[in-house]
Each structure stands twice: as C-alpha cells, then as structure tokens.
Amino acid sequence: MKVLVTGADGFVAQNLRVHLSERNDVELVLFTRKQSVDELYDTVKGVDFIFHLAGVNRPKNDVEFTEGNVELTAALCLAIERTGKVIPI
C-alpha cells in the first residue's frame, strides 16, 4: 500500500514515518513544505491512503494560517477528487 504523509518533516510525521517504515506492506510517499502545491495531483494519484499532517501551527498572521492550512487542505481535496479514486485521509 502506498501511503502519502503530508508535512513529512514535522514532529508528528517524523514519528509516524518511523512506525510506518517498520511495516513491509507500506511504501511511503512524502510531501514537505519544500514542494509546490502544484505537485499534489501527481503525488496523490499514485497513493492509497493519506496522513494529512501538514499545516501552520504558529502563524505570524491570518494569511499565513489560511495559506498553510485552509488552502493546502482544499488543494489536497481537489487533487484527490481529480484522481477519481476514493482515497481515505
């Protein structure tokens, strides 16, 4: 099973990655803040499950919160919809 972890460099995600890497039935696909939202569709189309852990937890302003949480989650949902598959998050 291919599993996407968004926010893959974050504290919670790093611990999840360790746990999932111990499983023989999981192939990890990582999405970090270094990647563009434009890459989401190509990233999502090949996965079976998503742990969506990306987000901004200490924003400097409302815009940063909206971009890092609301807009990223909306883009992820749109990318999933575009695949035509049911991908649990």
Protein backbone atom coordinates (compact mmCIF):
# COMPACT_ATOMS: atom_id res chain seq x y z
CA MET A 1 0.00 0.00 0.00
CA LYS A 2 1.31 3.45 -0.91
CA VAL A 3 0.84 5.96 1.90
CA LEU A 4 1.28 9.70 1.48
CA VAL A 5 2.37 11.71 4.50
CA THR A 6 1.95 15.46 4.14
CA GLY A 7 4.00 17.64 6.44
CA ALA A 8 6.50 14.81 6.34
CA ASP A 9 9.27 16.85 8.01
CA GLY A 10 7.16 17.77 11.04
CA PHE A 11 7.50 16.30 14.52
CA VAL A 12 4.42 14.07 14.42
CA ALA A 13 5.07 12.98 10.84
CA GLN A 14 8.66 12.02 11.58
CA ASN A 15 7.48 9.66 14.29
CA LEU A 16 4.75 8.27 12.05
CA ARG A 17 7.30 7.69 9.30
CA VAL A 18 9.46 5.65 11.65
CA HIS A 19 6.50 3.48 12.59
CA LEU A 20 5.29 3.03 9.01
CA SER A 21 8.79 2.24 7.74
CA GLU A 22 8.81 -0.79 10.03
CA ARG A 23 5.95 -2.30 8.05
CA ASN A 24 6.67 -4.42 4.99
CA ASP A 25 3.30 -3.64 3.39
CA VAL A 26 3.73 0.16 3.26
CA GLU A 27 5.58 2.29 0.73
CA LEU A 28 5.95 5.88 1.93
CA VAL A 29 5.39 8.89 -0.31
CA LEU A 30 6.38 12.18 1.31
CA PHE A 31 5.16 15.73 0.79
CA THR A 32 7.01 18.57 2.52
CA ARG A 33 6.87 22.34 2.53
CA LYS A 34 9.74 22.34 0.03
CA GLN A 35 7.33 21.00 -2.58
CA SER A 36 4.82 23.03 -4.55
CA VAL A 37 1.07 22.63 -4.21
CA ASP A 38 1.15 22.20 -7.99
CA GLU A 39 2.81 18.82 -7.41
CA LEU A 40 -0.06 17.47 -5.30
CA TYR A 41 -2.05 15.85 -8.09
CA ASP A 42 0.94 13.88 -9.41
CA THR A 43 1.80 12.90 -5.84
CA VAL A 44 -1.74 11.90 -4.85
CA LYS A 45 -2.71 9.92 -7.94
CA GLY A 46 -0.47 7.00 -7.02
CA VAL A 47 -1.35 6.59 -3.34
CA ASP A 48 -3.90 4.50 -1.46
CA PHE A 49 -4.07 6.40 1.84
CA ILE A 50 -3.13 9.86 3.12
CA PHE A 51 -1.99 11.07 6.52
CA HIS A 52 -2.54 14.83 6.18
CA LEU A 53 -0.27 16.32 8.85
CA ALA A 54 0.86 19.45 7.01
CA GLY A 55 -0.13 22.80 8.38
CA VAL A 56 0.96 26.01 10.01
CA ASN A 57 0.64 25.86 13.78
CA ARG A 58 2.29 29.15 14.73
CA PRO A 59 1.27 31.60 12.01
CA LYS A 60 2.62 35.13 12.02
CA ASN A 61 -0.69 36.38 10.59
CA ASP A 62 -4.08 35.23 9.34
CA VAL A 63 -2.90 35.00 5.73
CA GLU A 64 -0.16 32.54 6.64
CA PHE A 65 -2.69 30.44 8.59
CA THR A 66 -5.13 30.42 5.67
CA GLU A 67 -2.48 29.55 3.07
CA GLY A 68 -0.83 26.84 5.16
CA ASN A 69 -3.98 25.18 6.44
CA VAL A 70 -7.15 26.03 4.56
CA GLU A 71 -5.73 26.42 1.05
CA LEU A 72 -3.39 23.44 1.31
CA THR A 73 -6.19 21.19 2.55
CA ALA A 74 -8.50 22.42 -0.22
CA ALA A 75 -5.78 21.75 -2.82
CA LEU A 76 -5.27 18.26 -1.41
CA CYS A 77 -9.00 17.51 -1.58
CA LEU A 78 -9.14 18.81 -5.15
CA ALA A 79 -6.17 16.66 -6.13
CA ILE A 80 -7.91 13.60 -4.67
CA GLU A 81 -11.13 14.45 -6.49
CA ARG A 82 -9.24 14.80 -9.78
CA THR A 83 -7.88 11.25 -9.42
CA GLY A 84 -11.41 9.85 -9.49
CA LYS A 85 -10.40 7.45 -6.74
CA VAL A 86 -11.59 7.16 -3.16
CA ILE A 87 -8.51 7.84 -1.06
CA PRO A 88 -9.01 7.85 2.71
CA ILE A 89 -7.43 10.72 4.61
